[in-house]
Amino acid sequence: MKLSRIGIYILGPSVFAILLFWGFYPYQSVISFEVLDEQEEKTYLKIPEGDHFQLTFTHSVHLSDVIEEYKLKNDRLYPVQLIYEDTAVGMPSNGQEGETFTVKDGKYYITELQGFHESITLSVGQVRANHTILYNDESYLLKDFVGAGSVIKIKPGHESNWNLMRGVTFNE
C-alpha cells in the first residue's frame, strides 16, 4: 500500500512535467508567417533544421515563374538558389562575387548564394503573383492562408505545441 502511494507521488508530478514540456516548451522547428499590422493568428510550416523549402511566384513585370530556395539553419534562412526565366526588370543578369550563374534549358540559375536572412518581409500578391510555399512535394498558396494583399513576415524559429495548436499549420 505504501509503495503505491509513493509511486503516485513520484509518477504523478513526472507525468505532469512531461505534459507541460510537450505542450509549452518551444522545441518545434518552424517557419512562421505573420501578417503585419494585424492581430491575426500566425501560420506555421513545421520544418526540421537543415531542410530546404521554396518560395515560388510569378514576376509582376515579365509574368514568368521565379523560384527562391532557402535552407533553414540556426533560426536563419540561407538562400540556396534562385531560378528564373527572364533577366528583364527586377531580375539579376549575373551572380555576385562567390555565386555561380548558369543558363540551362532556357532558365537562369544562381547558386552558392551568400548571406542569410533573419526574416523576409513579403507583400502577398493580389492578382497574378501566386506566392506559393513548396515543401516536401506539397504546395501552399499563401493568399489562401494569410490573404491576398497582406504584408507578412516570414521568420524561422521554434514554437511550442500550444502555439502551433492556436495557429494554423500548413503541413498538419
C-alpha atoms as a PDB file:
ATOM      1  CA  MET A   1       0.000   0.000   0.000  1.00  0.00           C
ATOM      2  CA  LYS A   2       2.780   2.439   0.946  1.00  0.00           C
ATOM      3  CA  LEU A   3       4.683   1.583  -2.236  1.00  0.00           C
ATOM      4  CA  SER A   4       1.730   2.535  -4.454  1.00  0.00           C
ATOM      5  CA  ARG A   5       1.312   5.883  -2.670  1.00  0.00           C
ATOM      6  CA  ILE A   6       4.991   6.652  -3.156  1.00  0.00           C
ATOM      7  CA  GLY A   7       4.649   5.709  -6.826  1.00  0.00           C
ATOM      8  CA  ILE A   8       1.721   8.107  -7.217  1.00  0.00           C
ATOM      9  CA  TYR A   9       3.666  10.936  -5.556  1.00  0.00           C
ATOM     10  CA  ILE A  10       6.611  10.368  -7.890  1.00  0.00           C
ATOM     11  CA  LEU A  11       4.811   9.330 -11.071  1.00  0.00           C
ATOM     12  CA  GLY A  12       2.074  11.990 -10.928  1.00  0.00           C
ATOM     13  CA  PRO A  13       4.406  15.027 -10.929  1.00  0.00           C
ATOM     14  CA  SER A  14       6.676  13.364 -13.510  1.00  0.00           C
ATOM     15  CA  VAL A  15       3.809  12.851 -15.948  1.00  0.00           C
ATOM     16  CA  PHE A  16       2.604  16.404 -15.289  1.00  0.00           C
ATOM     17  CA  ALA A  17       6.111  17.789 -16.004  1.00  0.00           C
ATOM     18  CA  ILE A  18       6.343  15.812 -19.255  1.00  0.00           C
ATOM     19  CA  LEU A  19       2.954  17.102 -20.397  1.00  0.00           C
ATOM     20  CA  LEU A  20       3.944  20.678 -19.537  1.00  0.00           C
ATOM     21  CA  PHE A  21       7.162  20.301 -21.507  1.00  0.00           C
ATOM     22  CA  TRP A  22       5.347  18.776 -24.501  1.00  0.00           C
ATOM     23  CA  GLY A  23       2.709  21.487 -24.502  1.00  0.00           C
ATOM     24  CA  PHE A  24       4.569  24.669 -23.679  1.00  0.00           C
ATOM     25  CA  TYR A  25       8.288  24.338 -24.405  1.00  0.00           C
ATOM     26  CA  PRO A  26       9.162  25.799 -27.855  1.00  0.00           C
ATOM     27  CA  TYR A  27      11.010  22.824 -29.345  1.00  0.00           C
ATOM     28  CA  GLN A  28       9.256  22.522 -32.748  1.00  0.00           C
ATOM     29  CA  SER A  29      11.368  23.971 -35.567  1.00  0.00           C
ATOM     30  CA  VAL A  30       9.079  26.115 -37.750  1.00  0.00           C
ATOM     31  CA  ILE A  31       8.855  28.947 -40.182  1.00  0.00           C
ATOM     32  CA  SER A  32       6.154  31.406 -39.145  1.00  0.00           C
ATOM     33  CA  PHE A  33       4.094  33.552 -41.494  1.00  0.00           C
ATOM     34  CA  GLU A  34       2.811  36.564 -39.576  1.00  0.00           C
ATOM     35  CA  VAL A  35       0.518  39.188 -41.090  1.00  0.00           C
ATOM     36  CA  LEU A  36       1.961  42.567 -40.093  1.00  0.00           C
ATOM     37  CA  ASP A  37      -0.268  45.295 -38.628  1.00  0.00           C
ATOM     38  CA  GLU A  38      -2.925  42.756 -37.633  1.00  0.00           C
ATOM     39  CA  GLN A  39      -3.537  40.596 -34.610  1.00  0.00           C
ATOM     40  CA  GLU A  40      -4.433  37.502 -36.619  1.00  0.00           C
ATOM     41  CA  GLU A  41      -3.204  34.055 -35.700  1.00  0.00           C
ATOM     42  CA  LYS A  42       0.137  33.048 -37.139  1.00  0.00           C
ATOM     43  CA  THR A  43       0.527  30.415 -39.806  1.00  0.00           C
ATOM     44  CA  TYR A  44       3.322  27.864 -39.438  1.00  0.00           C
ATOM     45  CA  LEU A  45       5.285  25.455 -41.579  1.00  0.00           C
ATOM     46  CA  LYS A  46       6.880  22.703 -39.491  1.00  0.00           C
ATOM     47  CA  ILE A  47      10.337  22.159 -40.945  1.00  0.00           C
ATOM     48  CA  PRO A  48      13.318  20.408 -39.378  1.00  0.00           C
ATOM     49  CA  GLU A  49      16.629  22.212 -39.065  1.00  0.00           C
ATOM     50  CA  GLY A  50      18.655  21.780 -42.263  1.00  0.00           C
ATOM     51  CA  ASP A  51      15.664  21.214 -44.561  1.00  0.00           C
ATOM     52  CA  HIS A  52      15.011  23.254 -47.713  1.00  0.00           C
ATOM     53  CA  PHE A  53      11.801  24.920 -48.900  1.00  0.00           C
ATOM     54  CA  GLN A  54      10.958  27.045 -51.918  1.00  0.00           C
ATOM     55  CA  LEU A  55       9.052  30.276 -52.387  1.00  0.00           C
ATOM     56  CA  THR A  56       7.640  30.491 -55.913  1.00  0.00           C
ATOM     57  CA  PHE A  57       5.834  33.354 -57.605  1.00  0.00           C
ATOM     58  CA  THR A  58       5.035  34.889 -60.969  1.00  0.00           C
ATOM     59  CA  HIS A  59       7.108  38.022 -61.601  1.00  0.00           C
ATOM     60  CA  SER A  60       4.836  41.065 -61.882  1.00  0.00           C
ATOM     61  CA  VAL A  61       6.583  42.644 -64.906  1.00  0.00           C
ATOM     62  CA  HIS A  62       7.548  39.842 -67.260  1.00  0.00           C
ATOM     63  CA  LEU A  63       4.976  37.326 -65.921  1.00  0.00           C
ATOM     64  CA  SER A  64       7.350  34.370 -65.713  1.00  0.00           C
ATOM     65  CA  ASP A  65       7.972  31.968 -62.850  1.00  0.00           C
ATOM     66  CA  VAL A  66      10.589  32.669 -60.177  1.00  0.00           C
ATOM     67  CA  ILE A  67      11.779  30.110 -57.612  1.00  0.00           C
ATOM     68  CA  GLU A  68      13.712  31.104 -54.490  1.00  0.00           C
ATOM     69  CA  GLU A  69      15.064  28.184 -52.467  1.00  0.00           C
ATOM     70  CA  TYR A  70      16.059  28.531 -48.813  1.00  0.00           C
ATOM     71  CA  LYS A  71      17.656  26.324 -46.176  1.00  0.00           C
ATOM     72  CA  LEU A  72      16.672  26.596 -42.505  1.00  0.00           C
ATOM     73  CA  LYS A  73      19.745  26.649 -40.273  1.00  0.00           C
ATOM     74  CA  ASN A  74      20.297  28.130 -36.803  1.00  0.00           C
ATOM     75  CA  ASP A  75      16.965  30.023 -36.925  1.00  0.00           C
ATOM     76  CA  ARG A  76      18.058  31.787 -40.115  1.00  0.00           C
ATOM     77  CA  LEU A  77      17.056  31.488 -43.764  1.00  0.00           C
ATOM     78  CA  TYR A  78      20.011  30.811 -46.039  1.00  0.00           C
ATOM     79  CA  PRO A  79      19.338  31.316 -49.756  1.00  0.00           C
ATOM     80  CA  VAL A  80      20.327  28.217 -51.734  1.00  0.00           C
ATOM     81  CA  GLN A  81      19.412  29.096 -55.303  1.00  0.00           C
ATOM     82  CA  LEU A  82      17.377  31.443 -57.457  1.00  0.00           C
ATOM     83  CA  ILE A  83      15.765  30.160 -60.681  1.00  0.00           C
ATOM     84  CA  TYR A  84      14.028  32.410 -63.201  1.00  0.00           C
ATOM     85  CA  GLU A  85      13.247  32.740 -66.898  1.00  0.00           C
ATOM     86  CA  ASP A  86      13.897  36.396 -67.779  1.00  0.00           C
ATOM     87  CA  THR A  87      16.664  38.884 -66.932  1.00  0.00           C
ATOM     88  CA  ALA A  88      14.403  41.872 -67.557  1.00  0.00           C
ATOM     89  CA  VAL A  89      13.352  44.436 -64.948  1.00  0.00           C
ATOM     90  CA  GLY A  90      13.887  43.327 -61.378  1.00  0.00           C
ATOM     91  CA  MET A  91      15.925  40.181 -62.033  1.00  0.00           C
ATOM     92  CA  PRO A  92      19.722  39.836 -61.960  1.00  0.00           C
ATOM     93  CA  SER A  93      21.648  39.327 -65.183  1.00  0.00           C
ATOM     94  CA  ASN A  94      24.536  37.577 -63.397  1.00  0.00           C
ATOM     95  CA  GLY A  95      25.672  36.342 -59.992  1.00  0.00           C
ATOM     96  CA  GLN A  96      27.568  38.343 -57.406  1.00  0.00           C
ATOM     97  CA  GLU A  97      31.054  37.530 -56.199  1.00  0.00           C
ATOM     98  CA  GLY A  98      31.246  33.929 -54.968  1.00  0.00           C
ATOM     99  CA  GLU A  99      27.986  32.937 -56.633  1.00  0.00           C
ATOM    100  CA  THR A 100      27.556  30.761 -59.713  1.00  0.00           C
ATOM    101  CA  PHE A 101      25.430  31.947 -62.651  1.00  0.00           C
ATOM    102  CA  THR A 102      24.360  29.333 -65.230  1.00  0.00           C
ATOM    103  CA  VAL A 103      21.796  29.013 -68.005  1.00  0.00           C
ATOM    104  CA  LYS A 104      20.140  25.639 -68.580  1.00  0.00           C
ATOM    105  CA  ASP A 105      17.047  24.754 -70.625  1.00  0.00           C
ATOM    106  CA  GLY A 106      16.103  28.421 -71.015  1.00  0.00           C
ATOM    107  CA  LYS A 107      16.241  29.143 -67.296  1.00  0.00           C
ATOM    108  CA  TYR A 108      18.752  31.177 -65.312  1.00  0.00           C
ATOM    109  CA  TYR A 109      20.225  29.698 -62.130  1.00  0.00           C
ATOM    110  CA  ILE A 110      22.157  31.497 -59.437  1.00  0.00           C
ATOM    111  CA  THR A 111      23.607  29.086 -56.877  1.00  0.00           C
ATOM    112  CA  GLU A 112      26.073  29.260 -53.993  1.00  0.00           C
ATOM    113  CA  LEU A 113      24.213  32.341 -52.781  1.00  0.00           C
ATOM    114  CA  GLN A 114      25.855  34.289 -49.979  1.00  0.00           C
ATOM    115  CA  GLY A 115      24.473  35.563 -46.665  1.00  0.00           C
ATOM    116  CA  PHE A 116      21.322  34.836 -44.689  1.00  0.00           C
ATOM    117  CA  HIS A 117      18.056  36.416 -43.590  1.00  0.00           C
ATOM    118  CA  GLU A 118      16.706  36.661 -40.039  1.00  0.00           C
ATOM    119  CA  SER A 119      13.309  37.183 -41.681  1.00  0.00           C
ATOM    120  CA  ILE A 120      11.765  38.096 -45.029  1.00  0.00           C
ATOM    121  CA  THR A 121       9.025  40.685 -45.450  1.00  0.00           C
ATOM    122  CA  LEU A 122       6.734  39.913 -48.369  1.00  0.00           C
ATOM    123  CA  SER A 123       3.668  41.546 -49.886  1.00  0.00           C
ATOM    124  CA  VAL A 124       1.440  38.648 -50.933  1.00  0.00           C
ATOM    125  CA  GLY A 125       0.229  39.237 -54.493  1.00  0.00           C
ATOM    126  CA  GLN A 126      -3.420  40.018 -55.149  1.00  0.00           C
ATOM    127  CA  VAL A 127      -3.639  39.307 -58.865  1.00  0.00           C
ATOM    128  CA  ARG A 128      -1.005  37.179 -60.655  1.00  0.00           C
ATOM    129  CA  ALA A 129       1.877  36.583 -58.260  1.00  0.00           C
ATOM    130  CA  ASN A 130       0.500  33.368 -56.728  1.00  0.00           C
ATOM    131  CA  HIS A 131       3.140  33.316 -53.973  1.00  0.00           C
ATOM    132  CA  THR A 132       3.424  29.653 -53.027  1.00  0.00           C
ATOM    133  CA  ILE A 133       5.469  27.706 -50.492  1.00  0.00           C
ATOM    134  CA  LEU A 134       6.762  24.341 -51.735  1.00  0.00           C
ATOM    135  CA  TYR A 135       7.909  21.818 -49.151  1.00  0.00           C
ATOM    136  CA  ASN A 136       8.116  18.009 -49.282  1.00  0.00           C
ATOM    137  CA  ASP A 137       6.272  17.805 -52.608  1.00  0.00           C
ATOM    138  CA  GLU A 138       3.348  19.845 -51.209  1.00  0.00           C
ATOM    139  CA  SER A 139       2.385  23.363 -52.266  1.00  0.00           C
ATOM    140  CA  TYR A 140       0.700  26.013 -50.120  1.00  0.00           C
ATOM    141  CA  LEU A 141      -0.723  29.102 -51.824  1.00  0.00           C
ATOM    142  CA  LEU A 142      -0.005  31.919 -49.364  1.00  0.00           C
ATOM    143  CA  LYS A 143      -3.082  34.016 -50.183  1.00  0.00           C
ATOM    144  CA  ASP A 144      -5.265  31.085 -49.051  1.00  0.00           C
ATOM    145  CA  PHE A 145      -3.689  31.252 -45.591  1.00  0.00           C
ATOM    146  CA  VAL A 146      -2.832  34.930 -44.982  1.00  0.00           C
ATOM    147  CA  GLY A 147      -4.977  36.746 -47.543  1.00  0.00           C
ATOM    148  CA  ALA A 148      -4.108  38.392 -50.866  1.00  0.00           C
ATOM    149  CA  GLY A 149      -2.552  41.825 -50.432  1.00  0.00           C
ATOM    150  CA  SER A 150      -1.300  41.065 -46.912  1.00  0.00           C
ATOM    151  CA  VAL A 151       2.176  42.120 -45.885  1.00  0.00           C
ATOM    152  CA  ILE A 152       3.746  39.232 -43.989  1.00  0.00           C
ATOM    153  CA  LYS A 153       6.940  38.455 -42.144  1.00  0.00           C
ATOM    154  CA  ILE A 154       8.424  35.032 -42.872  1.00  0.00           C
ATOM    155  CA  LYS A 155      10.615  34.096 -39.925  1.00  0.00           C
ATOM    156  CA  PRO A 156      12.268  30.887 -38.722  1.00  0.00           C
ATOM    157  CA  GLY A 157      12.141  29.918 -35.075  1.00  0.00           C
ATOM    158  CA  HIS A 158      10.816  27.424 -32.573  1.00  0.00           C
ATOM    159  CA  GLU A 159       7.290  27.132 -31.226  1.00  0.00           C
ATOM    160  CA  SER A 160       5.507  25.116 -28.571  1.00  0.00           C
ATOM    161  CA  ASN A 161       2.754  22.668 -29.414  1.00  0.00           C
ATOM    162  CA  TRP A 162       0.362  25.029 -27.612  1.00  0.00           C
ATOM    163  CA  ASN A 163       1.180  27.873 -30.024  1.00  0.00           C
ATOM    164  CA  LEU A 164       1.005  25.539 -33.009  1.00  0.00           C
ATOM    165  CA  MET A 165      -2.477  24.420 -31.942  1.00  0.00           C
ATOM    166  CA  ARG A 166      -3.586  28.065 -31.565  1.00  0.00           C
ATOM    167  CA  GLY A 167      -2.317  28.981 -35.048  1.00  0.00           C
ATOM    168  CA  VAL A 168      -2.705  27.466 -38.497  1.00  0.00           C
ATOM    169  CA  THR A 169      -0.162  24.880 -39.612  1.00  0.00           C
ATOM    170  CA  PHE A 170       0.352  24.217 -43.338  1.00  0.00           C
ATOM    171  CA  ASN A 171       1.666  20.696 -43.069  1.00  0.00           C
ATOM    172  CA  GLU A 172      -0.552  19.040 -40.465  1.00  0.00           C
END
